[in-house]
Amino acid sequence: MTATSSVPEPGALLVGVDGALHGRTGGYQKRLGEMAGVYRDAAAYRRALDEHGAGQVVYHVEEHRNSGDEGALIIGTSILQPGSYGDEFAMTRGHLHRKADRAELYHCLSGRGVMLLETLDGRSRALPITPGAAVHVPGHWVHRSINVGDEPLVTLFCYPADAGQDYELIADAGGMAQLVVRDEDGWTTRPNPDHTGYRGQQR
């Protein structure tokens, strides 16, 4: 094996405003039946299941990766469909990176959304994201995308390939500390009374 044979090839990617990623190497879909416990209004979630079925796609991800090594990047698109569950909007499950110091970048291609971010020590931010806007998520911030519009929220993301995701952190805490909900101006935040604190958080 030569010194250069183990070096990955560059990836040429074409990214559509609809989230289509030409040159992708993988991806996944998250369906409504897999979102149990994400929304605070369990009755509204059950009504959505009855109306749309467990197989309805809530969001899907297309991604390109050529290595899981430290220093490599995962680049992809996330397409989050619009919807509401009680007074909450459609959202992703959200996560903290398993290597918590790993950062992530989200750039909005189309739609209208909010990036909800929280730290284990109690800070919270809700940042609007619209076409052309980007959110730099530093390490140690829990984060999730929320679609507050009427069309798919499409974002381009990039993060270190060795970051990993901890999805259980939010579920174990009874949800994120803040909720993004409808109001007369479109959306606002309010405290989540079910939030019990993140693992390692000082209460």
Protein backbone atom coordinates (compact mmCIF):
# COMPACT_ATOMS: atom_id res chain seq x y z
CA MET A 1 0.00 0.00 0.00
CA THR A 2 1.41 3.37 -0.95
CA ALA A 3 1.28 6.37 1.34
CA THR A 4 -1.40 8.02 -0.80
CA SER A 5 -3.66 4.98 -1.38
CA SER A 6 -5.33 5.35 2.03
CA VAL A 7 -6.13 9.04 1.47
CA PRO A 8 -9.86 9.51 0.66
CA GLU A 9 -10.86 11.04 -2.66
CA PRO A 10 -12.40 14.53 -2.71
CA GLY A 11 -16.18 14.62 -2.99
CA ALA A 12 -17.88 16.75 -5.65
CA LEU A 13 -21.36 17.63 -4.36
CA LEU A 14 -24.33 19.36 -5.92
CA VAL A 15 -26.83 20.69 -3.40
CA GLY A 16 -30.38 21.61 -4.40
CA VAL A 17 -32.57 24.07 -2.51
CA ASP A 18 -34.95 21.13 -2.04
CA GLY A 19 -32.23 19.28 -0.12
CA ALA A 20 -31.28 16.85 -2.87
CA LEU A 21 -27.60 16.01 -2.39
CA HIS A 22 -26.00 14.64 -5.55
CA GLY A 23 -22.89 12.76 -4.51
CA ARG A 24 -24.40 11.52 -1.27
CA THR A 25 -23.12 8.32 0.31
CA GLY A 26 -26.02 7.64 2.66
CA GLY A 27 -28.94 9.00 4.61
CA TYR A 28 -32.01 8.09 6.63
CA GLN A 29 -35.65 8.98 7.25
CA LYS A 30 -37.33 9.70 10.56
CA ARG A 31 -41.02 8.71 10.54
CA LEU A 32 -43.89 9.87 12.72
CA GLY A 33 -44.07 6.54 14.55
CA GLU A 34 -40.47 7.05 15.71
CA MET A 35 -41.19 10.46 17.29
CA ALA A 36 -42.99 9.23 20.43
CA GLY A 37 -42.05 11.37 23.42
CA VAL A 38 -40.66 14.24 21.33
CA TYR A 39 -43.80 16.38 21.54
CA ARG A 40 -45.14 17.48 24.92
CA ASP A 41 -48.81 17.15 23.85
CA ALA A 42 -49.11 13.36 23.72
CA ALA A 43 -52.79 13.53 22.75
CA ALA A 44 -52.00 15.75 19.74
CA TYR A 45 -49.24 13.34 18.73
CA ARG A 46 -51.66 10.38 18.90
CA ARG A 47 -54.19 12.30 16.78
CA ALA A 48 -51.47 12.91 14.18
CA LEU A 49 -50.64 9.20 14.18
CA ASP A 50 -54.31 8.35 13.65
CA GLU A 51 -54.64 10.89 10.86
CA HIS A 52 -51.38 10.39 8.98
CA GLY A 53 -50.10 6.98 10.04
CA ALA A 54 -46.84 5.93 11.68
CA GLY A 55 -45.06 5.79 8.31
CA GLN A 56 -45.36 9.48 7.51
CA VAL A 57 -41.90 11.00 7.05
CA VAL A 58 -41.27 13.88 9.47
CA TYR A 59 -37.74 14.60 8.20
CA HIS A 60 -35.06 12.97 6.17
CA VAL A 61 -31.34 13.40 5.87
CA GLU A 62 -28.99 12.94 2.94
CA GLU A 63 -25.28 12.92 3.68
CA HIS A 64 -21.81 12.54 2.26
CA ARG A 65 -18.97 11.04 4.24
CA ASN A 66 -15.72 9.47 3.08
CA SER A 67 -14.18 8.68 6.46
CA GLY A 68 -15.10 8.47 10.12
CA ASP A 69 -11.62 9.49 11.16
CA GLU A 70 -10.82 12.42 13.40
CA GLY A 71 -10.46 15.48 11.20
CA ALA A 72 -12.93 14.26 8.57
CA LEU A 73 -16.28 15.95 7.95
CA ILE A 74 -19.84 14.77 7.46
CA ILE A 75 -21.74 17.05 5.08
CA GLY A 76 -25.43 16.69 4.45
CA THR A 77 -28.88 18.13 4.08
CA SER A 78 -31.88 17.88 6.38
CA ILE A 79 -35.42 18.26 5.04
CA LEU A 80 -37.93 18.84 7.86
CA GLN A 81 -41.57 18.81 6.80
CA PRO A 82 -44.02 21.41 8.19
CA GLY A 83 -46.63 20.44 10.75
CA SER A 84 -47.94 21.06 14.24
CA TYR A 85 -48.67 18.94 17.31
CA GLY A 86 -50.79 20.95 19.69
CA ASP A 87 -49.09 24.34 19.84
CA GLU A 88 -45.65 22.92 18.99
CA PHE A 89 -44.15 22.85 15.51
CA ALA A 90 -42.60 19.91 13.67
CA MET A 91 -39.05 19.37 14.89
CA THR A 92 -36.10 17.03 14.78
CA ARG A 93 -35.27 14.81 17.75
CA GLY A 94 -32.30 17.01 18.62
CA HIS A 95 -29.04 15.91 20.19
CA LEU A 96 -25.78 16.75 21.88
CA HIS A 97 -22.69 15.33 20.23
CA ARG A 98 -21.29 12.30 22.05
CA LYS A 99 -17.94 14.06 21.83
CA ALA A 100 -19.56 17.11 23.37
CA ASP A 101 -16.88 19.59 22.29
CA ARG A 102 -17.64 19.01 18.59
CA ALA A 103 -19.30 21.93 16.78
CA GLU A 104 -21.74 21.96 13.85
CA LEU A 105 -22.79 24.41 11.15
CA TYR A 106 -26.32 24.73 9.74
CA HIS A 107 -27.03 26.86 6.65
CA CYS A 108 -30.65 27.37 5.57
CA LEU A 109 -31.39 26.69 1.90
CA SER A 110 -35.18 27.14 1.99
CA GLY A 111 -38.08 27.41 4.41
CA ARG A 112 -38.32 29.13 7.77
CA GLY A 113 -37.16 27.66 11.03
CA VAL A 114 -35.68 28.07 14.48
CA MET A 115 -32.56 26.47 15.88
CA LEU A 116 -33.18 25.76 19.57
CA LEU A 117 -29.94 25.48 21.53
CA GLU A 118 -29.24 24.79 25.21
CA THR A 119 -26.24 24.09 27.41
CA LEU A 120 -26.02 21.69 30.30
CA ASP A 121 -25.51 24.65 32.65
CA GLY A 122 -28.86 26.20 31.74
CA ARG A 123 -28.30 28.68 28.92
CA SER A 124 -30.85 28.70 26.09
CA ARG A 125 -31.02 30.35 22.66
CA ALA A 126 -33.66 30.27 19.92
CA LEU A 127 -32.16 31.55 16.66
CA PRO A 128 -34.31 32.15 13.55
CA ILE A 129 -32.97 30.54 10.40
CA THR A 130 -34.13 31.57 6.92
CA PRO A 131 -32.60 31.20 3.43
CA GLY A 132 -29.06 32.53 3.42
CA ALA A 133 -28.77 32.49 7.23
CA ALA A 134 -26.50 30.09 9.09
CA VAL A 135 -26.15 29.03 12.70
CA HIS A 136 -22.79 28.01 14.14
CA VAL A 137 -23.49 25.56 16.96
CA PRO A 138 -20.45 25.48 19.27
CA GLY A 139 -19.48 22.36 21.15
CA HIS A 140 -21.38 21.59 24.36
CA TRP A 141 -24.72 22.91 23.02
CA VAL A 142 -27.76 20.64 22.72
CA HIS A 143 -29.53 21.54 19.47
CA ARG A 144 -32.60 20.79 17.39
CA SER A 145 -34.22 22.21 14.25
CA ILE A 146 -37.83 23.39 14.31
CA ASN A 147 -39.93 24.20 11.24
CA VAL A 148 -42.07 27.29 12.00
CA GLY A 149 -43.18 27.77 8.37
CA ASP A 150 -45.60 26.20 5.93
CA GLU A 151 -43.04 24.58 3.61
CA PRO A 152 -40.14 22.18 4.18
CA LEU A 153 -37.24 23.56 6.17
CA VAL A 154 -34.10 22.60 4.26
CA THR A 155 -30.67 23.03 5.83
CA LEU A 156 -27.14 22.15 4.79
CA PHE A 157 -25.09 20.91 7.74
CA CYS A 158 -21.47 20.02 8.41
CA TYR A 159 -19.85 18.50 11.49
CA PRO A 160 -16.80 16.38 12.44
CA ALA A 161 -17.18 12.73 11.48
CA ASP A 162 -16.12 11.51 14.93
CA ALA A 163 -18.72 13.63 16.80
CA GLY A 164 -21.52 11.09 17.22
CA GLN A 165 -24.97 11.97 18.59
CA ASP A 166 -26.55 11.54 22.01
CA TYR A 167 -30.32 11.51 21.36
CA GLU A 168 -31.21 10.06 24.76
CA LEU A 169 -30.05 13.14 26.67
CA ILE A 170 -33.16 15.15 25.74
CA ALA A 171 -35.60 12.28 26.36
CA ASP A 172 -34.02 11.55 29.76
CA ALA A 173 -34.50 15.22 30.74
CA GLY A 174 -38.22 15.28 29.90
CA GLY A 175 -37.56 17.33 26.76
CA MET A 176 -35.54 20.48 26.21
CA ALA A 177 -35.84 23.24 28.81
CA GLN A 178 -37.58 25.58 26.35
CA LEU A 179 -40.47 24.91 23.97
CA VAL A 180 -40.98 26.71 20.65
CA VAL A 181 -44.73 27.29 20.31
CA ARG A 182 -47.20 29.21 18.17
CA ASP A 183 -48.32 32.69 19.15
CA GLU A 184 -49.97 35.66 17.46
CA ASP A 185 -46.64 36.77 15.98
CA GLY A 186 -45.78 33.34 14.62
CA TRP A 187 -43.68 31.68 17.32
CA THR A 188 -42.25 32.25 20.74
CA THR A 189 -40.50 30.26 23.47
CA ARG A 190 -41.75 29.24 26.88
CA PRO A 191 -40.33 27.07 29.65
CA ASN A 192 -41.04 23.36 29.49
CA PRO A 193 -42.52 22.37 32.87
CA ASP A 194 -41.58 18.71 32.23
CA HIS A 195 -37.86 19.43 31.92
CA THR A 196 -35.99 17.78 34.79
CA GLY A 197 -32.46 18.85 33.91
CA TYR A 198 -29.76 17.30 31.73
CA ARG A 199 -27.34 14.70 33.00
CA GLY A 200 -24.55 16.56 34.73
CA GLN A 201 -26.58 19.77 34.96
CA GLN A 202 -26.55 21.68 38.22
CA ARG A 203 -30.15 22.13 39.46
